[in-house]
Amino acid sequence: MPGAADDLLAEAWLQAFAARRTFDPSRGSARGWLFGVAHNVLAGHVRRTVRAQLPPGGQVTDPWQAVDRRLDAAALAPSLRGALAELPDEEPARPAGRGVAVTGEMA
């Protein structure tokens, strides 16, 4: 969709200007607030684009949910690495493949 980026930027600025009275500096920076406005404009655009490509009665999914899940998992990775590093040496559980942990004993 040529020109979509320009249209989305303009829409984000219009939305931000219209909602400028809702900005509360005690809740965060203006930059974060503007990113939130831009995120909402982009998410709406994605939903409309996907909806236009679906057959009638099709279901719309929000692709940002998958991004949020990956970011949450990435944020937990250092804690997981630390917990694995603290396991005792005699019975270390090491990931072996997809979601399978090997504890050193074979059944």
C-alpha atoms as a PDB file:
ATOM      1  CA  MET A   1       0.000   0.000   0.000  1.00  0.00           C
ATOM      2  CA  PRO A   2       2.058   2.953  -1.276  1.00  0.00           C
ATOM      3  CA  GLY A   3       1.975   6.024   0.924  1.00  0.00           C
ATOM      4  CA  ALA A   4       0.640   4.119   3.929  1.00  0.00           C
ATOM      5  CA  ALA A   5       3.541   5.238   6.134  1.00  0.00           C
ATOM      6  CA  ASP A   6       2.853   8.908   5.395  1.00  0.00           C
ATOM      7  CA  ASP A   7      -0.860   8.419   6.029  1.00  0.00           C
ATOM      8  CA  LEU A   8      -0.193   6.589   9.303  1.00  0.00           C
ATOM      9  CA  LEU A   9       2.228   9.263  10.494  1.00  0.00           C
ATOM     10  CA  ALA A  10      -0.314  11.979   9.712  1.00  0.00           C
ATOM     11  CA  GLU A  11      -3.050  10.003  11.487  1.00  0.00           C
ATOM     12  CA  ALA A  12      -0.829   9.485  14.541  1.00  0.00           C
ATOM     13  CA  TRP A  13      -0.124  13.223  14.785  1.00  0.00           C
ATOM     14  CA  LEU A  14      -3.822  14.058  14.345  1.00  0.00           C
ATOM     15  CA  GLN A  15      -4.773  11.559  17.054  1.00  0.00           C
ATOM     16  CA  ALA A  16      -2.074  12.893  19.382  1.00  0.00           C
ATOM     17  CA  PHE A  17      -3.153  16.493  18.815  1.00  0.00           C
ATOM     18  CA  ALA A  18      -6.805  15.637  19.395  1.00  0.00           C
ATOM     19  CA  ALA A  19      -5.941  13.796  22.619  1.00  0.00           C
ATOM     20  CA  ARG A  20      -3.284  16.231  23.864  1.00  0.00           C
ATOM     21  CA  ARG A  21      -5.344  17.139  26.942  1.00  0.00           C
ATOM     22  CA  THR A  22      -5.251  13.506  28.079  1.00  0.00           C
ATOM     23  CA  PHE A  23      -1.450  13.520  28.380  1.00  0.00           C
ATOM     24  CA  ASP A  24      -0.440  13.307  32.042  1.00  0.00           C
ATOM     25  CA  PRO A  25       3.289  13.871  32.682  1.00  0.00           C
ATOM     26  CA  SER A  26       2.993  12.150  36.056  1.00  0.00           C
ATOM     27  CA  ARG A  27       2.226   8.871  34.215  1.00  0.00           C
ATOM     28  CA  GLY A  28       5.269   8.981  31.928  1.00  0.00           C
ATOM     29  CA  SER A  29       7.123  10.882  29.268  1.00  0.00           C
ATOM     30  CA  ALA A  30       5.607  12.572  26.237  1.00  0.00           C
ATOM     31  CA  ARG A  31       7.702  10.261  24.094  1.00  0.00           C
ATOM     32  CA  GLY A  32       6.137   7.155  25.637  1.00  0.00           C
ATOM     33  CA  TRP A  33       2.671   8.649  25.277  1.00  0.00           C
ATOM     34  CA  LEU A  34       3.305   9.424  21.599  1.00  0.00           C
ATOM     35  CA  PHE A  35       4.589   5.885  21.020  1.00  0.00           C
ATOM     36  CA  GLY A  36       1.347   4.616  22.566  1.00  0.00           C
ATOM     37  CA  VAL A  37      -0.723   6.783  20.233  1.00  0.00           C
ATOM     38  CA  ALA A  38       1.347   5.610  17.239  1.00  0.00           C
ATOM     39  CA  HIS A  39       1.001   1.970  18.354  1.00  0.00           C
ATOM     40  CA  ASN A  40      -2.784   2.310  18.519  1.00  0.00           C
ATOM     41  CA  VAL A  41      -2.947   3.933  15.070  1.00  0.00           C
ATOM     42  CA  LEU A  42      -0.746   1.192  13.586  1.00  0.00           C
ATOM     43  CA  ALA A  43      -2.711  -1.590  15.304  1.00  0.00           C
ATOM     44  CA  GLY A  44      -5.951  -0.145  13.931  1.00  0.00           C
ATOM     45  CA  HIS A  45      -4.441  -0.012  10.459  1.00  0.00           C
ATOM     46  CA  VAL A  46      -3.299  -3.642  10.690  1.00  0.00           C
ATOM     47  CA  ARG A  47      -6.736  -4.759  11.900  1.00  0.00           C
ATOM     48  CA  ARG A  48      -8.472  -2.911   9.049  1.00  0.00           C
ATOM     49  CA  THR A  49      -6.014  -4.298   6.490  1.00  0.00           C
ATOM     50  CA  VAL A  50      -6.402  -7.863   7.738  1.00  0.00           C
ATOM     51  CA  ARG A  51     -10.175  -7.509   7.953  1.00  0.00           C
ATOM     52  CA  ALA A  52     -10.294  -6.316   4.337  1.00  0.00           C
ATOM     53  CA  GLN A  53      -8.400  -9.444   3.245  1.00  0.00           C
ATOM     54  CA  LEU A  54     -10.573 -11.907   5.189  1.00  0.00           C
ATOM     55  CA  PRO A  55     -13.613 -13.599   3.751  1.00  0.00           C
ATOM     56  CA  PRO A  56     -16.949 -12.409   5.192  1.00  0.00           C
ATOM     57  CA  GLY A  57     -17.359 -13.723   8.730  1.00  0.00           C
ATOM     58  CA  GLY A  58     -13.587 -14.314   9.077  1.00  0.00           C
ATOM     59  CA  GLN A  59     -11.885 -13.766  12.405  1.00  0.00           C
ATOM     60  CA  VAL A  60      -9.369 -10.959  12.997  1.00  0.00           C
ATOM     61  CA  THR A  61      -6.301 -11.590  15.149  1.00  0.00           C
ATOM     62  CA  ASP A  62      -4.063  -8.881  16.525  1.00  0.00           C
ATOM     63  CA  PRO A  63      -0.442  -9.530  15.448  1.00  0.00           C
ATOM     64  CA  TRP A  64       0.809  -7.335  18.290  1.00  0.00           C
ATOM     65  CA  GLN A  65      -0.229  -9.982  20.811  1.00  0.00           C
ATOM     66  CA  ALA A  66       2.438 -12.332  19.410  1.00  0.00           C
ATOM     67  CA  VAL A  67       5.021  -9.534  19.574  1.00  0.00           C
ATOM     68  CA  ASP A  68       4.062  -8.800  23.183  1.00  0.00           C
ATOM     69  CA  ARG A  69       4.437 -12.503  24.098  1.00  0.00           C
ATOM     70  CA  ARG A  70       7.916 -12.637  22.504  1.00  0.00           C
ATOM     71  CA  LEU A  71       8.991  -9.484  24.348  1.00  0.00           C
ATOM     72  CA  ASP A  72       7.695 -10.905  27.634  1.00  0.00           C
ATOM     73  CA  ALA A  73       9.633 -14.136  27.017  1.00  0.00           C
ATOM     74  CA  ALA A  74      12.784 -12.184  26.154  1.00  0.00           C
ATOM     75  CA  ALA A  75      12.442 -10.210  29.397  1.00  0.00           C
ATOM     76  CA  LEU A  76      12.256 -13.459  31.383  1.00  0.00           C
ATOM     77  CA  ALA A  77      15.297 -15.040  29.695  1.00  0.00           C
ATOM     78  CA  PRO A  78      17.942 -13.540  32.059  1.00  0.00           C
ATOM     79  CA  SER A  79      16.001 -14.796  35.111  1.00  0.00           C
ATOM     80  CA  LEU A  80      15.735 -18.243  33.567  1.00  0.00           C
ATOM     81  CA  ARG A  81      19.458 -18.335  32.757  1.00  0.00           C
ATOM     82  CA  GLY A  82      20.242 -17.286  36.336  1.00  0.00           C
ATOM     83  CA  ALA A  83      17.972 -19.979  37.788  1.00  0.00           C
ATOM     84  CA  LEU A  84      19.560 -22.631  35.561  1.00  0.00           C
ATOM     85  CA  ALA A  85      23.034 -21.488  36.593  1.00  0.00           C
ATOM     86  CA  GLU A  86      22.099 -21.911  40.284  1.00  0.00           C
ATOM     87  CA  LEU A  87      21.119 -25.576  39.901  1.00  0.00           C
ATOM     88  CA  PRO A  88      23.386 -27.996  41.766  1.00  0.00           C
ATOM     89  CA  ASP A  89      26.204 -29.500  39.723  1.00  0.00           C
ATOM     90  CA  GLU A  90      25.357 -33.118  40.576  1.00  0.00           C
ATOM     91  CA  GLU A  91      21.914 -32.990  38.898  1.00  0.00           C
ATOM     92  CA  PRO A  92      21.933 -30.189  36.336  1.00  0.00           C
ATOM     93  CA  ALA A  93      18.769 -29.885  34.272  1.00  0.00           C
ATOM     94  CA  ARG A  94      19.739 -28.898  30.787  1.00  0.00           C
ATOM     95  CA  PRO A  95      17.316 -28.137  28.000  1.00  0.00           C
ATOM     96  CA  ALA A  96      17.383 -30.892  25.399  1.00  0.00           C
ATOM     97  CA  GLY A  97      15.282 -30.017  22.418  1.00  0.00           C
ATOM     98  CA  ARG A  98      11.867 -28.431  22.473  1.00  0.00           C
ATOM     99  CA  GLY A  99      10.713 -28.060  26.061  1.00  0.00           C
ATOM    100  CA  VAL A 100      12.323 -31.308  27.297  1.00  0.00           C
ATOM    101  CA  ALA A 101      14.671 -31.190  30.276  1.00  0.00           C
ATOM    102  CA  VAL A 102      17.281 -33.900  30.886  1.00  0.00           C
ATOM    103  CA  THR A 103      18.252 -34.389  34.542  1.00  0.00           C
ATOM    104  CA  GLY A 104      21.123 -36.831  34.127  1.00  0.00           C
ATOM    105  CA  GLU A 105      19.190 -40.053  34.797  1.00  0.00           C
ATOM    106  CA  MET A 106      17.842 -42.327  32.124  1.00  0.00           C
ATOM    107  CA  ALA A 107      14.631 -44.246  32.796  1.00  0.00           C
END
